[in-house]
Amino acid sequence: MTKTQLWCPDTCGCQIEEKFDDATGIITYFSTVSACEVHAPLADTPAHYDTVLAENRGKNFAMTAAMELLPELTEVVSTEDGQVTKFKTGFHPSYTFDAERKLVLRVKVDDAAALAF
């Protein structure tokens, strides 16, 4: 069975409908609900989905790499879905994209966290 689902990535303001095939688990582009200013020229095309997906995956990869490179800033916590690694209290990751859509990752450190570190 194929369903549509709304995807709102955390890397921009786009809203994209995806097709999800229950039988195969494959997710593909279906339609553009709305496009942010940056991605508006690609709206209503599979390239829109591919571009937004690549940026989102790049951000996820960078966040994971930062946690692996700086394990002393992370902790493993239990959730209802299992265990996840997250930044410890006092360490605040954030990301932006520059004018060329290159990812810029930052980790802000609270004073108290810096003293404990």
PDB file of N, CA and C in Angstrom:
ATOM      1  N   MET A   1       0.844  -1.186   0.000  1.00  0.00           N
ATOM      2  CA  MET A   1       0.000   0.000   0.000  1.00  0.00           C
ATOM      3  C   MET A   1       0.885   1.243   0.000  1.00  0.00           C
ATOM      4  N   THR A   2       0.527   2.212  -0.789  1.00  0.00           N
ATOM      5  CA  THR A   2       1.262   3.471  -0.861  1.00  0.00           C
ATOM      6  C   THR A   2       0.463   4.567  -0.168  1.00  0.00           C
ATOM      7  N   LYS A   3       1.154   5.336   0.684  1.00  0.00           N
ATOM      8  CA  LYS A   3       0.532   6.456   1.391  1.00  0.00           C
ATOM      9  C   LYS A   3       1.347   7.709   1.116  1.00  0.00           C
ATOM     10  N   THR A   4       0.743   8.845   1.348  1.00  0.00           N
ATOM     11  CA  THR A   4       1.511  10.088   1.324  1.00  0.00           C
ATOM     12  C   THR A   4       1.672  10.560   2.762  1.00  0.00           C
ATOM     13  N   GLN A   5       2.795  11.202   3.012  1.00  0.00           N
ATOM     14  CA  GLN A   5       3.076  11.759   4.331  1.00  0.00           C
ATOM     15  C   GLN A   5       3.753  13.101   4.152  1.00  0.00           C
ATOM     16  N   LEU A   6       3.527  13.999   5.093  1.00  0.00           N
ATOM     17  CA  LEU A   6       4.107  15.339   5.027  1.00  0.00           C
ATOM     18  C   LEU A   6       5.455  15.331   5.730  1.00  0.00           C
ATOM     19  N   TRP A   7       6.462  15.876   5.061  1.00  0.00           N
ATOM     20  CA  TRP A   7       7.794  16.003   5.646  1.00  0.00           C
ATOM     21  C   TRP A   7       8.120  17.484   5.747  1.00  0.00           C
ATOM     22  N   CYS A   8       8.446  17.925   6.957  1.00  0.00           N
ATOM     23  CA  CYS A   8       8.856  19.306   7.223  1.00  0.00           C
ATOM     24  C   CYS A   8      10.262  19.244   7.809  1.00  0.00           C
ATOM     25  N   PRO A   9      11.293  19.352   6.969  1.00  0.00           N
ATOM     26  CA  PRO A   9      12.659  19.207   7.469  1.00  0.00           C
ATOM     27  C   PRO A   9      13.001  20.323   8.454  1.00  0.00           C
ATOM     28  N   ASP A  10      13.942  20.026   9.343  1.00  0.00           N
ATOM     29  CA  ASP A  10      14.366  21.038  10.314  1.00  0.00           C
ATOM     30  C   ASP A  10      15.509  21.899   9.780  1.00  0.00           C
ATOM     31  N   THR A  11      15.820  21.767   8.509  1.00  0.00           N
ATOM     32  CA  THR A  11      16.904  22.549   7.903  1.00  0.00           C
ATOM     33  C   THR A  11      16.406  23.735   7.081  1.00  0.00           C
ATOM     34  N   CYS A  12      15.090  23.817   6.864  1.00  0.00           N
ATOM     35  CA  CYS A  12      14.511  24.944   6.127  1.00  0.00           C
ATOM     36  C   CYS A  12      13.004  24.947   6.372  1.00  0.00           C
ATOM     37  N   GLY A  13      12.306  25.865   5.742  1.00  0.00           N
ATOM     38  CA  GLY A  13      10.868  25.974   5.945  1.00  0.00           C
ATOM     39  C   GLY A  13      10.029  25.229   4.922  1.00  0.00           C
ATOM     40  N   CYS A  14      10.637  24.392   4.118  1.00  0.00           N
ATOM     41  CA  CYS A  14       9.885  23.656   3.093  1.00  0.00           C
ATOM     42  C   CYS A  14       8.946  22.633   3.727  1.00  0.00           C
ATOM     43  N   GLN A  15       7.862  22.357   3.003  1.00  0.00           N
ATOM     44  CA  GLN A  15       6.948  21.281   3.350  1.00  0.00           C
ATOM     45  C   GLN A  15       6.746  20.449   2.090  1.00  0.00           C
ATOM     46  N   ILE A  16       7.047  19.176   2.200  1.00  0.00           N
ATOM     47  CA  ILE A  16       7.045  18.292   1.031  1.00  0.00           C
ATOM     48  C   ILE A  16       6.215  17.055   1.342  1.00  0.00           C
ATOM     49  N   GLU A  17       5.365  16.683   0.402  1.00  0.00           N
ATOM     50  CA  GLU A  17       4.646  15.424   0.528  1.00  0.00           C
ATOM     51  C   GLU A  17       5.488  14.321  -0.098  1.00  0.00           C
ATOM     52  N   GLU A  18       5.620  13.238   0.646  1.00  0.00           N
ATOM     53  CA  GLU A  18       6.365  12.084   0.178  1.00  0.00           C
ATOM     54  C   GLU A  18       5.401  10.918  -0.041  1.00  0.00           C
ATOM     55  N   LYS A  19       5.763  10.053  -0.967  1.00  0.00           N
ATOM     56  CA  LYS A  19       5.058   8.777  -1.127  1.00  0.00           C
ATOM     57  C   LYS A  19       5.834   7.731  -0.350  1.00  0.00           C
ATOM     58  N   PHE A  20       5.114   6.970   0.443  1.00  0.00           N
ATOM     59  CA  PHE A  20       5.732   5.907   1.227  1.00  0.00           C
ATOM     60  C   PHE A  20       5.085   4.585   0.834  1.00  0.00           C
ATOM     61  N   ASP A  21       5.904   3.665   0.362  1.00  0.00           N
ATOM     62  CA  ASP A  21       5.426   2.349  -0.038  1.00  0.00           C
ATOM     63  C   ASP A  21       5.631   1.384   1.124  1.00  0.00           C
ATOM     64  N   ASP A  22       4.533   0.959   1.732  1.00  0.00           N
ATOM     65  CA  ASP A  22       4.607   0.033   2.879  1.00  0.00           C
ATOM     66  C   ASP A  22       5.319  -1.261   2.532  1.00  0.00           C
ATOM     67  N   ALA A  23       5.112  -1.749   1.341  1.00  0.00           N
ATOM     68  CA  ALA A  23       5.673  -3.043   0.946  1.00  0.00           C
ATOM     69  C   ALA A  23       7.191  -3.003   0.842  1.00  0.00           C
ATOM     70  N   THR A  24       7.738  -1.896   0.327  1.00  0.00           N
ATOM     71  CA  THR A  24       9.189  -1.820   0.109  1.00  0.00           C
ATOM     72  C   THR A  24       9.906  -0.925   1.116  1.00  0.00           C
ATOM     73  N   GLY A  25       9.152  -0.029   1.778  1.00  0.00           N
ATOM     74  CA  GLY A  25       9.766   0.939   2.684  1.00  0.00           C
ATOM     75  C   GLY A  25      10.411   2.101   1.955  1.00  0.00           C
ATOM     76  N   ILE A  26      10.196   2.185   0.661  1.00  0.00           N
ATOM     77  CA  ILE A  26      10.811   3.242  -0.149  1.00  0.00           C
ATOM     78  C   ILE A  26       9.986   4.525  -0.058  1.00  0.00           C
ATOM     79  N   ILE A  27      10.690   5.633   0.168  1.00  0.00           N
ATOM     80  CA  ILE A  27      10.070   6.955   0.244  1.00  0.00           C
ATOM     81  C   ILE A  27      10.535   7.760  -0.957  1.00  0.00           C
ATOM     82  N   THR A  28       9.587   8.373  -1.681  1.00  0.00           N
ATOM     83  CA  THR A  28       9.914   9.192  -2.847  1.00  0.00           C
ATOM     84  C   THR A  28       9.129  10.491  -2.815  1.00  0.00           C
ATOM     85  N   TYR A  29       9.558  11.423  -3.620  1.00  0.00           N
ATOM     86  CA  TYR A  29       8.890  12.724  -3.751  1.00  0.00           C
ATOM     87  C   TYR A  29       7.496  12.554  -4.342  1.00  0.00           C
ATOM     88  N   PHE A  30       6.535  13.306  -3.793  1.00  0.00           N
ATOM     89  CA  PHE A  30       5.179  13.308  -4.340  1.00  0.00           C
ATOM     90  C   PHE A  30       4.795  14.714  -4.809  1.00  0.00           C
ATOM     91  N   SER A  31       4.903  15.716  -3.905  1.00  0.00           N
ATOM     92  CA  SER A  31       4.563  17.087  -4.300  1.00  0.00           C
ATOM     93  C   SER A  31       5.147  18.081  -3.314  1.00  0.00           C
ATOM     94  N   THR A  32       5.228  19.319  -3.750  1.00  0.00           N
ATOM     95  CA  THR A  32       5.672  20.408  -2.889  1.00  0.00           C
ATOM     96  C   THR A  32       4.443  21.100  -2.327  1.00  0.00           C
ATOM     97  N   VAL A  33       4.332  21.131  -1.008  1.00  0.00           N
ATOM     98  CA  VAL A  33       3.245  21.863  -0.355  1.00  0.00           C
ATOM     99  C   VAL A  33       3.630  23.334  -0.273  1.00  0.00           C
ATOM    100  N   SER A  34       4.855  23.580   0.184  1.00  0.00           N
ATOM    101  CA  SER A  34       5.394  24.938   0.198  1.00  0.00           C
ATOM    102  C   SER A  34       6.913  24.844   0.157  1.00  0.00           C
ATOM    103  N   ALA A  35       7.515  25.887  -0.384  1.00  0.00           N
ATOM    104  CA  ALA A  35       8.974  25.927  -0.494  1.00  0.00           C
ATOM    105  C   ALA A  35       9.483  27.197   0.176  1.00  0.00           C
ATOM    106  N   CYS A  36      10.588  27.076   0.894  1.00  0.00           N
ATOM    107  CA  CYS A  36      11.202  28.248   1.499  1.00  0.00           C
ATOM    108  C   CYS A  36      11.796  29.118   0.386  1.00  0.00           C
ATOM    109  N   GLU A  37      12.228  30.293   0.753  1.00  0.00           N
ATOM    110  CA  GLU A  37      12.774  31.238  -0.232  1.00  0.00           C
ATOM    111  C   GLU A  37      13.960  30.656  -0.991  1.00  0.00           C
ATOM    112  N   VAL A  38      14.817  29.951  -0.288  1.00  0.00           N
ATOM    113  CA  VAL A  38      16.017  29.387  -0.911  1.00  0.00           C
ATOM    114  C   VAL A  38      15.667  28.318  -1.942  1.00  0.00           C
ATOM    115  N   HIS A  39      14.699  27.491  -1.618  1.00  0.00           N
ATOM    116  CA  HIS A  39      14.365  26.362  -2.480  1.00  0.00           C
ATOM    117  C   HIS A  39      13.206  26.631  -3.444  1.00  0.00           C
ATOM    118  N   ALA A  40      12.633  27.822  -3.401  1.00  0.00           N
ATOM    119  CA  ALA A  40      11.486  28.147  -4.255  1.00  0.00           C
ATOM    120  C   ALA A  40      11.744  27.901  -5.745  1.00  0.00           C
ATOM    121  N   PRO A  41      12.947  28.193  -6.262  1.00  0.00           N
ATOM    122  CA  PRO A  41      13.165  27.932  -7.692  1.00  0.00           C
ATOM    123  C   PRO A  41      13.047  26.456  -8.084  1.00  0.00           C
ATOM    124  N   LEU A  42      13.175  25.566  -7.110  1.00  0.00           N
ATOM    125  CA  LEU A  42      13.095  24.127  -7.389  1.00  0.00           C
ATOM    126  C   LEU A  42      11.723  23.535  -7.079  1.00  0.00           C
ATOM    127  N   ALA A  43      10.817  24.359  -6.548  1.00  0.00           N
ATOM    128  CA  ALA A  43       9.514  23.854  -6.092  1.00  0.00           C
ATOM    129  C   ALA A  43       8.820  23.064  -7.193  1.00  0.00           C
ATOM    130  N   ASP A  44       8.067  22.068  -6.757  1.00  0.00           N
ATOM    131  CA  ASP A  44       7.270  21.212  -7.643  1.00  0.00           C
ATOM    132  C   ASP A  44       8.118  20.361  -8.583  1.00  0.00           C
ATOM    133  N   THR A  45       9.332  20.042  -8.162  1.00  0.00           N
ATOM    134  CA  THR A  45      10.191  19.160  -8.956  1.00  0.00           C
ATOM    135  C   THR A  45      10.840  18.132  -8.024  1.00  0.00           C
ATOM    136  N   PRO A  46      11.185  16.975  -8.541  1.00  0.00           N
ATOM    137  CA  PRO A  46      11.927  16.009  -7.720  1.00  0.00           C
ATOM    138  C   PRO A  46      13.273  16.577  -7.239  1.00  0.00           C
ATOM    139  N   ALA A  47      13.852  17.500  -7.983  1.00  0.00           N
ATOM    140  CA  ALA A  47      15.120  18.112  -7.564  1.00  0.00           C
ATOM    141  C   ALA A  47      14.958  18.874  -6.255  1.00  0.00           C
ATOM    142  N   HIS A  48      13.770  19.430  -6.032  1.00  0.00           N
ATOM    143  CA  HIS A  48      13.483  20.118  -4.768  1.00  0.00           C
ATOM    144  C   HIS A  48      13.652  19.134  -3.613  1.00  0.00           C
ATOM    145  N   TYR A  49      12.995  18.003  -3.732  1.00  0.00           N
ATOM    146  CA  TYR A  49      13.079  16.967  -2.701  1.00  0.00           C
ATOM    147  C   TYR A  49      14.515  16.491  -2.524  1.00  0.00           C
ATOM    148  N   ASP A  50      15.194  16.198  -3.606  1.00  0.00           N
ATOM    149  CA  ASP A  50      16.566  15.698  -3.543  1.00  0.00           C
ATOM    150  C   ASP A  50      17.495  16.690  -2.852  1.00  0.00           C
ATOM    151  N   THR A  51      17.338  17.973  -3.160  1.00  0.00           N
ATOM    152  CA  THR A  51      18.187  19.015  -2.574  1.00  0.00           C
ATOM    153  C   THR A  51      17.936  19.157  -1.079  1.00  0.00           C
ATOM    154  N   VAL A  52      16.669  19.241  -0.690  1.00  0.00           N
ATOM    155  CA  VAL A  52      16.322  19.378   0.723  1.00  0.00           C
ATOM    156  C   VAL A  52      16.748  18.141   1.505  1.00  0.00           C
ATOM    157  N   LEU A  53      16.531  16.974   0.921  1.00  0.00           N
ATOM    158  CA  LEU A  53      16.926  15.727   1.572  1.00  0.00           C
ATOM    159  C   LEU A  53      18.442  15.665   1.769  1.00  0.00           C
ATOM    160  N   ALA A  54      19.205  16.074   0.771  1.00  0.00           N
ATOM    161  CA  ALA A  54      20.671  16.067   0.881  1.00  0.00           C
ATOM    162  C   ALA A  54      21.143  17.024   1.976  1.00  0.00           C
ATOM    163  N   GLU A  55      20.538  18.199   2.054  1.00  0.00           N
ATOM    164  CA  GLU A  55      20.917  19.150   3.109  1.00  0.00           C
ATOM    165  C   GLU A  55      20.581  18.582   4.490  1.00  0.00           C
ATOM    166  N   ASN A  56      19.414  17.964   4.613  1.00  0.00           N
ATOM    167  CA  ASN A  56      19.000  17.406   5.889  1.00  0.00           C
ATOM    168  C   ASN A  56      19.909  16.251   6.300  1.00  0.00           C
ATOM    169  N   ARG A  57      20.225  15.380   5.361  1.00  0.00           N
ATOM    170  CA  ARG A  57      21.130  14.263   5.665  1.00  0.00           C
ATOM    171  C   ARG A  57      22.526  14.767   6.011  1.00  0.00           C
ATOM    172  N   GLY A  58      22.991  15.808   5.328  1.00  0.00           N
ATOM    173  CA  GLY A  58      24.295  16.391   5.630  1.00  0.00           C
ATOM    174  C   GLY A  58      24.352  16.947   7.040  1.00  0.00           C
ATOM    175  N   LYS A  59      23.275  17.622   7.445  1.00  0.00           N
ATOM    176  CA  LYS A  59      23.188  18.143   8.810  1.00  0.00           C
ATOM    177  C   LYS A  59      23.204  17.002   9.811  1.00  0.00           C
ATOM    178  N   ASN A  60      22.424  15.959   9.552  1.00  0.00           N
ATOM    179  CA  ASN A  60      22.389  14.818  10.467  1.00  0.00           C
ATOM    180  C   ASN A  60      23.757  14.146  10.569  1.00  0.00           C
ATOM    181  N   PHE A  61      24.439  14.004   9.440  1.00  0.00           N
ATOM    182  CA  PHE A  61      25.772  13.416   9.429  1.00  0.00           C
ATOM    183  C   PHE A  61      26.743  14.275  10.244  1.00  0.00           C
ATOM    184  N   ALA A  62      26.690  15.597  10.059  1.00  0.00           N
ATOM    185  CA  ALA A  62      27.594  16.504  10.777  1.00  0.00           C
ATOM    186  C   ALA A  62      27.348  16.461  12.284  1.00  0.00           C
ATOM    187  N   MET A  63      26.078  16.414  12.685  1.00  0.00           N
ATOM    188  CA  MET A  63      25.764  16.354  14.117  1.00  0.00           C
ATOM    189  C   MET A  63      26.288  15.037  14.712  1.00  0.00           C
ATOM    190  N   THR A  64      26.106  13.939  14.003  1.00  0.00           N
ATOM    191  CA  THR A  64      26.598  12.650  14.475  1.00  0.00           C
ATOM    192  C   THR A  64      28.125  12.651  14.552  1.00  0.00           C
ATOM    193  N   ALA A  65      28.770  13.199  13.535  1.00  0.00           N
ATOM    194  CA  ALA A  65      30.234  13.261  13.528  1.00  0.00           C
ATOM    195  C   ALA A  65      30.750  14.109  14.683  1.00  0.00           C
ATOM    196  N   ALA A  66      30.092  15.228  14.967  1.00  0.00           N
ATOM    197  CA  ALA A  66      30.516  16.091  16.077  1.00  0.00           C
ATOM    198  C   ALA A  66      30.420  15.337  17.398  1.00  0.00           C
ATOM    199  N   MET A  67      29.358  14.571  17.578  1.00  0.00           N
ATOM    200  CA  MET A  67      29.208  13.806  18.826  1.00  0.00           C
ATOM    201  C   MET A  67      30.253  12.699  18.918  1.00  0.00           C
ATOM    202  N   GLU A  68      30.603  12.105  17.787  1.00  0.00           N
ATOM    203  CA  GLU A  68      31.623  11.048  17.799  1.00  0.00           C
ATOM    204  C   GLU A  68      33.018  11.618  18.029  1.00  0.00           C
ATOM    205  N   LEU A  69      33.272  12.810  17.495  1.00  0.00           N
ATOM    206  CA  LEU A  69      34.584  13.442  17.668  1.00  0.00           C
ATOM    207  C   LEU A  69      34.760  14.059  19.050  1.00  0.00           C
ATOM    208  N   LEU A  70      33.655  14.391  19.699  1.00  0.00           N
ATOM    209  CA  LEU A  70      33.699  15.041  21.014  1.00  0.00           C
ATOM    210  C   LEU A  70      32.877  14.245  22.031  1.00  0.00           C
ATOM    211  N   PRO A  71      33.224  12.990  22.259  1.00  0.00           N
ATOM    212  CA  PRO A  71      32.395  12.159  23.134  1.00  0.00           C
ATOM    213  C   PRO A  71      32.290  12.694  24.560  1.00  0.00           C
ATOM    214  N   GLU A  72      33.259  13.464  24.985  1.00  0.00           N
ATOM    215  CA  GLU A  72      33.212  14.011  26.341  1.00  0.00           C
ATOM    216  C   GLU A  72      32.102  15.055  26.508  1.00  0.00           C
ATOM    217  N   LEU A  73      31.525  15.512  25.412  1.00  0.00           N
ATOM    218  CA  LEU A  73      30.429  16.485  25.466  1.00  0.00           C
ATOM    219  C   LEU A  73      29.059  15.812  25.374  1.00  0.00           C
ATOM    220  N   THR A  74      29.058  14.486  25.291  1.00  0.00           N
ATOM    221  CA  THR A  74      27.803  13.770  25.071  1.00  0.00           C
ATOM    222  C   THR A  74      27.485  12.816  26.208  1.00  0.00           C
ATOM    223  N   GLU A  75      26.242  12.349  26.184  1.00  0.00           N
ATOM    224  CA  GLU A  75      25.804  11.331  27.129  1.00  0.00           C
ATOM    225  C   GLU A  75      24.763  10.456  26.437  1.00  0.00           C
ATOM    226  N   VAL A  76      24.641   9.240  26.919  1.00  0.00           N
ATOM    227  CA  VAL A  76      23.645   8.317  26.390  1.00  0.00           C
ATOM    228  C   VAL A  76      22.463   8.342  27.341  1.00  0.00           C
ATOM    229  N   VAL A  77      21.272   8.547  26.788  1.00  0.00           N
ATOM    230  CA  VAL A  77      20.061   8.583  27.599  1.00  0.00           C
ATOM    231  C   VAL A  77      19.066   7.564  27.053  1.00  0.00           C
ATOM    232  N   SER A  78      18.242   7.053  27.955  1.00  0.00           N
ATOM    233  CA  SER A  78      17.206   6.097  27.563  1.00  0.00           C
ATOM    234  C   SER A  78      15.916   6.842  27.244  1.00  0.00           C
ATOM    235  N   THR A  79      15.285   6.441  26.148  1.00  0.00           N
ATOM    236  CA  THR A  79      13.992   6.991  25.759  1.00  0.00           C
ATOM    237  C   THR A  79      13.050   5.817  25.530  1.00  0.00           C
ATOM    238  N   GLU A  80      11.817   6.105  25.250  1.00  0.00           N
ATOM    239  CA  GLU A  80      10.872   5.005  24.993  1.00  0.00           C
ATOM    240  C   GLU A  80      11.219   4.254  23.714  1.00  0.00           C
ATOM    241  N   ASP A  81      12.038   4.889  22.840  1.00  0.00           N
ATOM    242  CA  ASP A  81      12.460   4.241  21.598  1.00  0.00           C
ATOM    243  C   ASP A  81      13.816   3.550  21.722  1.00  0.00           C
ATOM    244  N   GLY A  82      14.409   3.595  22.895  1.00  0.00           N
ATOM    245  CA  GLY A  82      15.728   2.996  23.087  1.00  0.00           C
ATOM    246  C   GLY A  82      16.716   4.026  23.593  1.00  0.00           C
ATOM    247  N   GLN A  83      17.988   3.752  23.432  1.00  0.00           N
ATOM    248  CA  GLN A  83      19.020   4.666  23.894  1.00  0.00           C
ATOM    249  C   GLN A  83      19.460   5.582  22.762  1.00  0.00           C
ATOM    250  N   VAL A  84      19.683   6.846  23.103  1.00  0.00           N
ATOM    251  CA  VAL A  84      20.163   7.828  22.131  1.00  0.00           C
ATOM    252  C   VAL A  84      21.320   8.602  22.747  1.00  0.00           C
ATOM    253  N   THR A  85      22.201   9.052  21.890  1.00  0.00           N
ATOM    254  CA  THR A  85      23.302   9.910  22.321  1.00  0.00           C
ATOM    255  C   THR A  85      22.901  11.347  22.071  1.00  0.00           C
ATOM    256  N   LYS A  86      23.138  12.202  23.072  1.00  0.00           N
ATOM    257  CA  LYS A  86      22.814  13.621  22.926  1.00  0.00           C
ATOM    258  C   LYS A  86      23.909  14.438  23.594  1.00  0.00           C
ATOM    259  N   PHE A  87      23.927  15.730  23.271  1.00  0.00           N
ATOM    260  CA  PHE A  87      24.869  16.609  23.944  1.00  0.00           C
ATOM    261  C   PHE A  87      24.443  16.775  25.396  1.00  0.00           C
ATOM    262  N   LYS A  88      25.416  16.827  26.297  1.00  0.00           N
ATOM    263  CA  LYS A  88      25.132  17.016  27.708  1.00  0.00           C
ATOM    264  C   LYS A  88      24.499  18.388  27.936  1.00  0.00           C
ATOM    265  N   THR A  89      23.853  18.535  29.083  1.00  0.00           N
ATOM    266  CA  THR A  89      23.291  19.819  29.481  1.00  0.00           C
ATOM    267  C   THR A  89      24.394  20.866  29.469  1.00  0.00           C
ATOM    268  N   GLY A  90      24.102  22.006  28.901  1.00  0.00           N
ATOM    269  CA  GLY A  90      25.075  23.092  28.829  1.00  0.00           C
ATOM    270  C   GLY A  90      25.804  23.191  27.506  1.00  0.00           C
ATOM    271  N   PHE A  91      25.622  22.190  26.655  1.00  0.00           N
ATOM    272  CA  PHE A  91      26.221  22.204  25.323  1.00  0.00           C
ATOM    273  C   PHE A  91      25.076  22.255  24.307  1.00  0.00           C
ATOM    274  N   HIS A  92      25.047  23.324  23.519  1.00  0.00           N
ATOM    275  CA  HIS A  92      23.915  23.595  22.639  1.00  0.00           C
ATOM    276  C   HIS A  92      24.349  23.630  21.174  1.00  0.00           C
ATOM    277  N   PRO A  93      24.107  22.542  20.455  1.00  0.00           N
ATOM    278  CA  PRO A  93      24.468  22.549  19.035  1.00  0.00           C
ATOM    279  C   PRO A  93      23.475  23.380  18.232  1.00  0.00           C
ATOM    280  N   SER A  94      23.977  24.023  17.220  1.00  0.00           N
ATOM    281  CA  SER A  94      23.113  24.746  16.289  1.00  0.00           C
ATOM    282  C   SER A  94      23.772  24.697  14.920  1.00  0.00           C
ATOM    283  N   TYR A  95      22.985  24.972  13.904  1.00  0.00           N
ATOM    284  CA  TYR A  95      23.528  24.955  12.558  1.00  0.00           C
ATOM    285  C   TYR A  95      22.823  26.008  11.726  1.00  0.00           C
ATOM    286  N   THR A  96      23.538  26.466  10.748  1.00  0.00           N
ATOM    287  CA  THR A  96      22.998  27.388   9.756  1.00  0.00           C
ATOM    288  C   THR A  96      23.604  26.986   8.415  1.00  0.00           C
ATOM    289  N   PHE A  97      23.131  27.623   7.374  1.00  0.00           N
ATOM    290  CA  PHE A  97      23.728  27.455   6.058  1.00  0.00           C
ATOM    291  C   PHE A  97      24.223  28.817   5.610  1.00  0.00           C
ATOM    292  N   ASP A  98      25.400  28.851   4.999  1.00  0.00           N
ATOM    293  CA  ASP A  98      25.897  30.120   4.478  1.00  0.00           C
ATOM    294  C   ASP A  98      25.203  30.415   3.143  1.00  0.00           C
ATOM    295  N   ALA A  99      25.622  31.488   2.482  1.00  0.00           N
ATOM    296  CA  ALA A  99      24.981  31.918   1.234  1.00  0.00           C
ATOM    297  C   ALA A  99      25.065  30.860   0.137  1.00  0.00           C
ATOM    298  N   GLU A 100      26.077  30.005   0.215  1.00  0.00           N
ATOM    299  CA  GLU A 100      26.250  28.941  -0.790  1.00  0.00           C
ATOM    300  C   GLU A 100      25.648  27.616  -0.326  1.00  0.00           C
ATOM    301  N   ARG A 101      24.857  27.654   0.760  1.00  0.00           N
ATOM    302  CA  ARG A 101      24.196  26.487   1.345  1.00  0.00           C
ATOM    303  C   ARG A 101      25.196  25.463   1.891  1.00  0.00           C
ATOM    304  N   LYS A 102      26.352  25.965   2.333  1.00  0.00           N
ATOM    305  CA  LYS A 102      27.302  25.103   3.036  1.00  0.00           C
ATOM    306  C   LYS A 102      26.927  25.136   4.516  1.00  0.00           C
ATOM    307  N   LEU A 103      26.924  23.977   5.125  1.00  0.00           N
ATOM    308  CA  LEU A 103      26.525  23.839   6.511  1.00  0.00           C
ATOM    309  C   LEU A 103      27.567  24.430   7.453  1.00  0.00           C
ATOM    310  N   VAL A 104      27.113  25.182   8.438  1.00  0.00           N
ATOM    311  CA  VAL A 104      27.972  25.717   9.491  1.00  0.00           C
ATOM    312  C   VAL A 104      27.418  25.180  10.809  1.00  0.00           C
ATOM    313  N   LEU A 105      28.210  24.371  11.498  1.00  0.00           N
ATOM    314  CA  LEU A 105      27.800  23.748  12.752  1.00  0.00           C
ATOM    315  C   LEU A 105      28.548  24.414  13.900  1.00  0.00           C
ATOM    316  N   ARG A 106      27.805  24.760  14.941  1.00  0.00           N
ATOM    317  CA  ARG A 106      28.403  25.386  16.130  1.00  0.00           C
ATOM    318  C   ARG A 106      27.895  24.662  17.374  1.00  0.00           C
ATOM    319  N   VAL A 107      28.716  24.646  18.421  1.00  0.00           N
ATOM    320  CA  VAL A 107      28.275  24.148  19.718  1.00  0.00           C
ATOM    321  C   VAL A 107      28.555  25.243  20.732  1.00  0.00           C
ATOM    322  N   LYS A 108      27.486  25.844  21.241  1.00  0.00           N
ATOM    323  CA  LYS A 108      27.599  26.886  22.262  1.00  0.00           C
ATOM    324  C   LYS A 108      27.747  26.195  23.606  1.00  0.00           C
ATOM    325  N   VAL A 109      28.633  26.725  24.452  1.00  0.00           N
ATOM    326  CA  VAL A 109      28.903  26.124  25.750  1.00  0.00           C
ATOM    327  C   VAL A 109      28.531  27.133  26.831  1.00  0.00           C
ATOM    328  N   ASP A 110      27.621  26.720  27.723  1.00  0.00           N
ATOM    329  CA  ASP A 110      27.262  27.564  28.869  1.00  0.00           C
ATOM    330  C   ASP A 110      28.477  27.684  29.774  1.00  0.00           C
ATOM    331  N   ASP A 111      28.552  28.777  30.532  1.00  0.00           N
ATOM    332  CA  ASP A 111      29.678  28.978  31.443  1.00  0.00           C
ATOM    333  C   ASP A 111      29.830  27.843  32.440  1.00  0.00           C
ATOM    334  N   ALA A 112      28.710  27.394  33.012  1.00  0.00           N
ATOM    335  CA  ALA A 112      28.758  26.326  34.020  1.00  0.00           C
ATOM    336  C   ALA A 112      29.281  25.029  33.383  1.00  0.00           C
ATOM    337  N   ALA A 113      28.862  24.750  32.169  1.00  0.00           N
ATOM    338  CA  ALA A 113      29.332  23.536  31.490  1.00  0.00           C
ATOM    339  C   ALA A 113      30.821  23.629  31.202  1.00  0.00           C
ATOM    340  N   ALA A 114      31.277  24.812  30.837  1.00  0.00           N
ATOM    341  CA  ALA A 114      32.702  25.006  30.542  1.00  0.00           C
ATOM    342  C   ALA A 114      33.537  24.779  31.796  1.00  0.00           C
ATOM    343  N   LEU A 115      33.055  25.250  32.940  1.00  0.00           N
ATOM    344  CA  LEU A 115      33.786  25.064  34.196  1.00  0.00           C
ATOM    345  C   LEU A 115      33.836  23.588  34.592  1.00  0.00           C
ATOM    346  N   ALA A 116      32.754  22.857  34.343  1.00  0.00           N
ATOM    347  CA  ALA A 116      32.699  21.434  34.701  1.00  0.00           C
ATOM    348  C   ALA A 116      33.512  20.587  33.747  1.00  0.00           C
ATOM    349  N   PHE A 117      33.744  21.109  32.560  1.00  0.00           N
ATOM    350  CA  PHE A 117      34.457  20.383  31.524  1.00  0.00           C
ATOM    351  C   PHE A 117      35.925  20.466  31.809  1.00  0.00           C
TER     352      PHE A 117
END
